[in-house]
Amino acid sequence: MDKLYPLLFEHSIPTPVRYLLAASVMFVCAALQAGLQAQAGFTGFFLLLPGVFVSGLLFDRGSGLFAACIAVACVVYLSYSGQYGIDFLLPCALFAITAAGVAVVAEIVRAETKRALQAQQTQRLLLDEMAHRTKNNLAILGAMVRMQARNGEPAVAAALEGTARRIQVMAEVYDHLSPKEDSRLVDMRRFLSDVVEKVFQSLAASGPVAFQVACEEVHLPNQQALAIGLIANELVTNALKYAFPDQRSGQIAVELTVAGEIELSVRDNGIGVAGDRHPKGVGSRIVALLTQQLGGTLSYERRDPGVMVVLRAPLPVQA
C-alpha cells in the first residue's frame, strides 16, 4: 500500500503526457482486439474496456474519458461494414455508454483508494507520534528516577537504579517498532542487542566480562517483545551482579530462537547457583510474572561452569 500511493497520486505528469500514455494503453488494447477479431472473427470488443479502466485509475478522470473516446473510435472502425444501419449504430452507442461508465467507475475507485491510503498514512503518523512521545516521557521518567537514586541510601539507590533500567527497556521498544503486515512489530535482533548493551553500560562488572547476543531474524508484537526484553534485562543484570565475584572474568550469552515456540536463553560461565537455590529477589519475581504473562515456562539449568536460564513461550497467534 505504501508503494501504491506515490504510483497513483504523487506523480506530476503533464496533461499532454498523461493523454499520450492513455492513448498508448488503448493502442495496445486495440491491437490485441484487432488480432483476436482477425483470428477468431469475434467482435465483442471486451479487451478495450480494461484499457479505459487502467487509464482512469492511473491518471485522472480526463484520461479515462479520453481513453473511452479512443475505445469508441476503435469500435466504430473495427465494426463498420459500409452502412450506418441500426445494427451498426446501436452496438456502438451501447459500447460508448459502457466505456463512459467504466471511466466513471475508475475515477470512483481512484478517489476511494486515495482516501483510504491517506487515512492509513494519517493513522501511521499518529501512531509514530504517539510512540515518540511515549518514549520521551519514559526517558524523562527514567532520568528522574536516576536523579532520585543519587540522593538515597545505597540499598534504595540500587533499587531505583534497577527501576530506571526497566523503564529504559520499555522506552527502547519504541526505537524498534516496524510496521509490518498492518501490525506493530519489534525487530528482536536489534532490540535484544540494544537491551543487553545498555545493561553492560549501566552495570560495571567487577572483572572483564564479555557478552554475546544471537538472535534469529524475527519480529514479535510489541507487548510480547517488551516482556522478553524485560526478562533478558533482569537475567543479564542478575548474572552481572552475582556470577562473577572477585574480579572473575567470563562471558554472558543471550540467544533467542523461534522454532515452533519462542526460546530465550541467558547463559553465563560464572560461579553458578549453589544447590537447588533459585534467586528470590524483586527481579526474579518480575521475571516470574512476565513468564506467566507470556504463558511460558522458566527453567534454571546448572552448567559446568555457570548456569543457563531458559524461557520457553508459545508463538503469538496470528490474527
Protein backbone atom coordinates (compact mmCIF):
# COMPACT_ATOMS: atom_id res chain seq x y z
CA MET A 1 0.00 0.00 0.00
CA ASP A 2 2.88 2.37 0.71
CA LYS A 3 4.17 1.93 -2.85
CA LEU A 4 0.70 2.32 -4.35
CA TYR A 5 0.14 5.87 -3.12
CA PRO A 6 3.05 7.57 -4.94
CA LEU A 7 2.38 5.47 -8.04
CA LEU A 8 -1.22 6.65 -8.30
CA PHE A 9 -1.34 10.06 -6.68
CA GLU A 10 2.07 11.68 -6.27
CA HIS A 11 3.21 11.74 -9.88
CA SER A 12 3.37 15.12 -11.60
CA ILE A 13 2.93 14.03 -15.21
CA PRO A 14 1.89 16.90 -17.53
CA THR A 15 -1.59 16.59 -19.05
CA PRO A 16 -0.37 16.02 -22.66
CA VAL A 17 1.91 13.22 -21.46
CA ARG A 18 -0.94 11.60 -19.48
CA TYR A 19 -3.16 11.67 -22.55
CA LEU A 20 -0.36 10.23 -24.67
CA LEU A 21 0.14 7.39 -22.17
CA ALA A 22 -3.60 6.72 -22.11
CA ALA A 23 -3.58 6.62 -25.93
CA SER A 24 -0.66 4.17 -25.82
CA VAL A 25 -2.55 1.89 -23.45
CA MET A 26 -5.58 1.98 -25.74
CA PHE A 27 -3.41 1.32 -28.80
CA VAL A 28 -2.11 -1.88 -27.19
CA CYS A 29 -5.65 -2.96 -26.27
CA ALA A 30 -6.92 -2.13 -29.76
CA ALA A 31 -4.10 -4.12 -31.35
CA LEU A 32 -4.96 -7.11 -29.18
CA GLN A 33 -8.65 -6.74 -30.01
CA ALA A 34 -7.94 -6.47 -33.74
CA GLY A 35 -5.71 -9.55 -33.60
CA LEU A 36 -8.38 -11.53 -31.76
CA GLN A 37 -11.03 -10.41 -34.23
CA ALA A 38 -8.83 -11.39 -37.18
CA GLN A 39 -8.09 -14.84 -35.74
CA ALA A 40 -11.48 -15.77 -34.28
CA GLY A 41 -13.88 -13.41 -36.01
CA PHE A 42 -15.23 -12.37 -32.60
CA THR A 43 -16.32 -8.73 -32.29
CA GLY A 44 -17.09 -8.37 -28.59
CA PHE A 45 -14.56 -5.55 -28.05
CA PHE A 46 -14.18 -6.57 -24.38
CA LEU A 47 -10.39 -6.06 -24.48
CA LEU A 48 -10.84 -2.29 -24.87
CA LEU A 49 -12.62 -1.76 -21.55
CA PRO A 50 -9.66 -2.74 -19.30
CA GLY A 51 -7.61 -0.08 -21.10
CA VAL A 52 -10.22 2.55 -20.23
CA PHE A 53 -10.27 1.44 -16.59
CA VAL A 54 -6.46 1.38 -16.25
CA SER A 55 -6.13 4.84 -17.84
CA GLY A 56 -8.72 6.33 -15.48
CA LEU A 57 -7.20 4.65 -12.44
CA LEU A 58 -3.56 5.55 -13.12
CA PHE A 59 -4.08 9.12 -14.25
CA ASP A 60 -7.36 11.01 -13.79
CA ARG A 61 -10.95 11.31 -14.98
CA GLY A 62 -9.95 13.23 -18.11
CA SER A 63 -7.54 10.50 -19.15
CA GLY A 64 -10.22 7.86 -18.56
CA LEU A 65 -12.79 9.70 -20.69
CA PHE A 66 -10.15 10.31 -23.37
CA ALA A 67 -9.40 6.57 -23.39
CA ALA A 68 -13.16 5.89 -23.64
CA CYS A 69 -13.36 8.12 -26.74
CA ILE A 70 -10.45 6.22 -28.30
CA ALA A 71 -12.17 2.93 -27.46
CA VAL A 72 -15.40 4.07 -29.15
CA ALA A 73 -13.43 5.18 -32.22
CA CYS A 74 -11.77 1.76 -32.38
CA VAL A 75 -15.17 0.04 -32.13
CA VAL A 76 -16.56 2.20 -34.93
CA TYR A 77 -13.54 1.45 -37.11
CA LEU A 78 -13.44 -2.29 -36.44
CA SER A 79 -17.20 -2.87 -36.76
CA TYR A 80 -18.02 -0.59 -39.72
CA SER A 81 -19.16 -2.66 -42.70
CA GLY A 82 -20.05 0.10 -45.18
CA GLN A 83 -23.50 1.15 -43.93
CA TYR A 84 -24.91 3.08 -40.94
CA GLY A 85 -27.87 0.89 -40.06
CA ILE A 86 -29.38 0.16 -36.66
CA ASP A 87 -27.26 -2.96 -36.45
CA PHE A 88 -24.17 -0.73 -36.53
CA LEU A 89 -25.29 2.30 -34.52
CA LEU A 90 -26.95 0.51 -31.59
CA PRO A 91 -23.92 -1.61 -30.58
CA CYS A 92 -21.65 1.42 -30.95
CA ALA A 93 -23.96 3.53 -28.75
CA LEU A 94 -24.18 0.81 -26.11
CA PHE A 95 -20.40 0.42 -26.10
CA ALA A 96 -19.95 4.21 -25.76
CA ILE A 97 -22.23 4.22 -22.68
CA THR A 98 -20.38 1.24 -21.23
CA ALA A 99 -16.94 2.82 -21.83
CA ALA A 100 -18.05 6.09 -20.22
CA GLY A 101 -19.40 4.12 -17.25
CA VAL A 102 -16.09 2.28 -16.89
CA ALA A 103 -14.23 5.62 -16.90
CA VAL A 104 -16.53 6.93 -14.14
CA VAL A 105 -16.10 3.75 -12.09
CA ALA A 106 -12.32 4.04 -12.47
CA GLU A 107 -12.49 7.60 -11.13
CA ILE A 108 -14.61 6.47 -8.15
CA VAL A 109 -12.18 3.65 -7.37
CA ARG A 110 -9.28 6.08 -7.69
CA ALA A 111 -10.91 8.58 -5.30
CA GLU A 112 -11.78 5.90 -2.71
CA THR A 113 -8.30 4.39 -2.93
CA LYS A 114 -6.74 7.81 -2.39
CA ARG A 115 -9.00 8.45 0.62
CA ALA A 116 -8.14 5.06 2.15
CA LEU A 117 -4.40 5.48 1.60
CA GLN A 118 -4.43 8.98 3.06
CA ALA A 119 -6.31 7.71 6.13
CA GLN A 120 -3.76 4.93 6.53
CA GLN A 121 -0.87 7.37 6.28
CA THR A 122 -2.51 9.69 8.81
CA GLN A 123 -3.04 6.81 11.23
CA ARG A 124 0.58 5.74 10.86
CA LEU A 125 1.83 9.26 11.50
CA LEU A 126 -0.34 9.49 14.62
CA LEU A 127 0.96 6.14 15.89
CA ASP A 128 4.56 7.21 15.24
CA GLU A 129 3.97 10.49 17.05
CA MET A 130 2.39 8.67 19.98
CA ALA A 131 5.31 6.23 20.13
CA HIS A 132 7.79 9.13 20.02
CA ARG A 133 6.02 11.00 22.84
CA THR A 134 5.72 7.85 24.95
CA LYS A 135 9.41 7.11 24.53
CA ASN A 136 10.34 10.66 25.51
CA ASN A 137 8.11 10.51 28.59
CA LEU A 138 9.65 7.21 29.66
CA ALA A 139 13.13 8.62 29.15
CA ILE A 140 12.27 11.63 31.33
CA LEU A 141 10.81 9.33 33.98
CA GLY A 142 13.96 7.16 33.94
CA ALA A 143 16.16 10.24 34.31
CA MET A 144 14.09 11.44 37.28
CA VAL A 145 14.40 8.04 38.97
CA ARG A 146 18.19 8.07 38.46
CA MET A 147 18.42 11.56 39.93
CA GLN A 148 16.50 10.37 42.97
CA ALA A 149 18.79 7.34 43.27
CA ARG A 150 21.84 9.61 43.73
CA ASN A 151 20.32 11.06 46.91
CA GLY A 152 19.21 7.82 48.55
CA GLU A 153 20.77 5.19 50.76
CA PRO A 154 22.83 2.52 48.94
CA ALA A 155 20.03 -0.08 49.08
CA VAL A 156 17.42 2.43 47.92
CA ALA A 157 19.75 3.76 45.23
CA ALA A 158 20.33 0.23 43.88
CA ALA A 159 16.57 -0.43 43.78
CA LEU A 160 15.88 2.86 41.99
CA GLU A 161 18.68 2.19 39.51
CA GLY A 162 17.11 -1.17 38.71
CA THR A 163 13.77 0.53 38.18
CA ALA A 164 15.41 3.07 35.85
CA ARG A 165 16.89 0.23 33.77
CA ARG A 166 13.46 -1.38 33.43
CA ILE A 167 11.98 1.92 32.30
CA GLN A 168 14.80 2.22 29.78
CA VAL A 169 13.92 -1.20 28.32
CA MET A 170 10.30 -0.04 27.92
CA ALA A 171 11.47 3.08 26.10
CA GLU A 172 13.82 1.02 23.96
CA VAL A 173 10.90 -0.88 22.41
CA TYR A 174 9.74 2.23 20.58
CA ASP A 175 13.04 2.53 18.72
CA HIS A 176 12.49 -0.87 17.14
CA LEU A 177 8.85 -0.76 16.12
CA SER A 178 8.49 -1.60 12.45
CA PRO A 179 5.11 -1.57 10.68
CA LYS A 180 4.71 -4.95 9.08
CA GLU A 181 1.55 -6.60 7.80
CA ASP A 182 -0.59 -3.90 9.48
CA SER A 183 0.81 -4.69 12.94
CA ARG A 184 3.21 -3.00 15.33
CA LEU A 185 6.10 -5.43 15.45
CA VAL A 186 9.56 -5.23 17.01
CA ASP A 187 12.80 -6.28 15.34
CA MET A 188 14.02 -8.63 18.07
CA ARG A 189 17.61 -8.92 16.83
CA ARG A 190 18.30 -5.21 17.19
CA PHE A 191 16.12 -4.82 20.28
CA LEU A 192 17.80 -7.58 22.30
CA SER A 193 21.27 -6.39 21.31
CA ASP A 194 20.46 -2.88 22.49
CA VAL A 195 18.93 -4.11 25.76
CA VAL A 196 21.97 -6.21 26.66
CA GLU A 197 24.39 -3.47 25.63
CA LYS A 198 22.58 -0.91 27.80
CA VAL A 199 22.74 -3.26 30.81
CA PHE A 200 26.51 -3.64 30.39
CA GLN A 201 26.89 0.13 30.06
CA SER A 202 24.97 0.80 33.27
CA LEU A 203 26.42 -2.06 35.35
CA ALA A 204 30.20 -2.30 35.57
CA ALA A 205 31.21 -5.89 36.37
CA SER A 206 33.99 -6.43 38.90
CA GLY A 207 36.06 -8.24 36.26
CA PRO A 208 36.34 -8.36 32.46
CA VAL A 209 33.01 -9.84 31.35
CA ALA A 210 32.04 -10.02 27.68
CA PHE A 211 28.60 -10.56 26.19
CA GLN A 212 27.26 -12.17 23.03
CA VAL A 213 23.75 -11.89 21.57
CA ALA A 214 22.49 -14.37 18.98
CA CYS A 215 19.01 -13.88 17.60
CA GLU A 216 17.15 -15.10 14.56
CA GLU A 217 15.57 -12.63 12.12
CA VAL A 218 12.22 -12.42 13.86
CA HIS A 219 9.61 -9.75 14.56
CA LEU A 220 7.26 -10.06 17.55
CA PRO A 221 4.27 -7.97 18.71
CA ASN A 222 5.37 -5.07 20.89
CA GLN A 223 3.77 -6.36 24.11
CA GLN A 224 5.43 -9.76 23.79
CA ALA A 225 8.72 -8.18 22.75
CA LEU A 226 8.62 -5.89 25.80
CA ALA A 227 8.11 -8.83 28.16
CA ILE A 228 11.02 -10.73 26.59
CA GLY A 229 13.23 -7.63 26.73
CA LEU A 230 12.46 -7.09 30.42
CA ILE A 231 13.18 -10.75 31.18
CA ALA A 232 16.50 -10.53 29.34
CA ASN A 233 17.30 -7.32 31.24
CA GLU A 234 16.65 -8.98 34.63
CA LEU A 235 18.58 -12.17 33.81
CA VAL A 236 21.62 -10.36 32.41
CA THR A 237 21.57 -7.92 35.35
CA ASN A 238 21.45 -10.84 37.80
CA ALA A 239 24.35 -12.58 36.05
CA LEU A 240 26.48 -9.43 36.08
CA LYS A 241 25.84 -8.85 39.78
CA TYR A 242 26.36 -12.34 41.14
CA ALA A 243 28.03 -14.69 38.63
CA PHE A 244 31.49 -13.09 38.53
CA PRO A 245 32.68 -12.04 42.03
CA ASP A 246 36.27 -11.19 42.96
CA GLN A 247 37.11 -9.71 39.55
CA ARG A 248 36.46 -13.03 37.85
CA SER A 249 36.41 -12.85 34.03
CA GLY A 250 33.72 -14.52 31.97
CA GLN A 251 31.05 -14.29 29.32
CA ILE A 252 27.27 -13.93 29.17
CA ALA A 253 25.48 -15.29 26.10
CA VAL A 254 21.92 -14.37 25.18
CA GLU A 255 20.15 -16.35 22.45
CA LEU A 256 16.65 -16.11 21.02
CA THR A 257 15.28 -18.77 18.66
CA VAL A 258 11.85 -19.34 17.16
CA ALA A 259 11.14 -22.89 16.04
CA GLY A 260 7.61 -23.89 16.95
CA GLU A 261 7.92 -21.79 20.11
CA ILE A 262 9.90 -18.84 21.44
CA GLU A 263 13.03 -19.85 23.34
CA LEU A 264 15.16 -17.27 25.14
CA SER A 265 18.29 -18.46 26.91
CA VAL A 266 20.70 -16.47 29.06
CA ARG A 267 23.89 -18.41 29.84
CA ASP A 268 26.97 -17.46 31.86
CA ASN A 269 30.17 -19.27 32.81
CA GLY A 270 30.35 -17.81 36.31
CA ILE A 271 30.16 -19.43 39.74
CA GLY A 272 26.68 -20.84 39.15
CA VAL A 273 23.89 -21.42 41.69
CA ALA A 274 24.54 -23.32 44.88
CA GLY A 275 22.37 -26.45 45.22
CA ASP A 276 18.79 -26.03 44.05
CA ARG A 277 18.57 -22.42 45.19
CA HIS A 278 16.92 -20.01 42.77
CA PRO A 279 17.13 -16.22 43.01
CA LYS A 280 14.35 -14.76 45.18
CA GLY A 281 14.79 -11.02 44.67
CA VAL A 282 12.48 -8.44 43.10
CA GLY A 283 13.97 -9.06 39.67
CA SER A 284 13.24 -12.78 39.90
CA ARG A 285 9.64 -12.08 40.88
CA ILE A 286 9.32 -9.74 37.89
CA VAL A 287 10.70 -12.49 35.62
CA ALA A 288 8.19 -14.98 37.04
CA LEU A 289 5.26 -12.59 36.47
CA LEU A 290 6.36 -11.81 32.91
CA THR A 291 6.80 -15.52 32.17
CA GLN A 292 3.26 -16.11 33.38
CA GLN A 293 2.05 -13.22 31.20
CA LEU A 294 3.66 -14.88 28.17
CA GLY A 295 2.09 -18.22 29.07
CA GLY A 296 5.55 -19.77 29.17
CA THR A 297 7.87 -21.67 31.48
CA LEU A 298 11.22 -20.78 33.03
CA SER A 299 13.92 -23.28 33.94
CA TYR A 300 17.33 -22.94 35.61
CA GLU A 301 19.94 -25.39 34.32
CA ARG A 302 23.22 -25.83 36.19
CA ARG A 303 26.24 -25.85 33.87
CA ASP A 304 29.89 -26.59 34.38
CA PRO A 305 30.74 -23.79 34.81
CA GLY A 306 27.88 -21.35 35.31
CA VAL A 307 24.15 -21.52 34.87
CA MET A 308 21.69 -21.20 31.97
CA VAL A 309 18.19 -19.81 32.34
CA VAL A 310 15.75 -20.79 29.59
CA LEU A 311 12.40 -19.18 28.85
CA ARG A 312 10.01 -21.09 26.59
CA ALA A 313 6.77 -19.43 25.44
CA PRO A 314 4.21 -20.09 22.68
CA LEU A 315 4.33 -18.07 19.50
CA PRO A 316 1.76 -15.26 19.18
CA VAL A 317 -1.48 -16.25 17.49
CA GLN A 318 -1.71 -14.72 14.02
CA ALA A 319 -4.96 -12.81 13.55
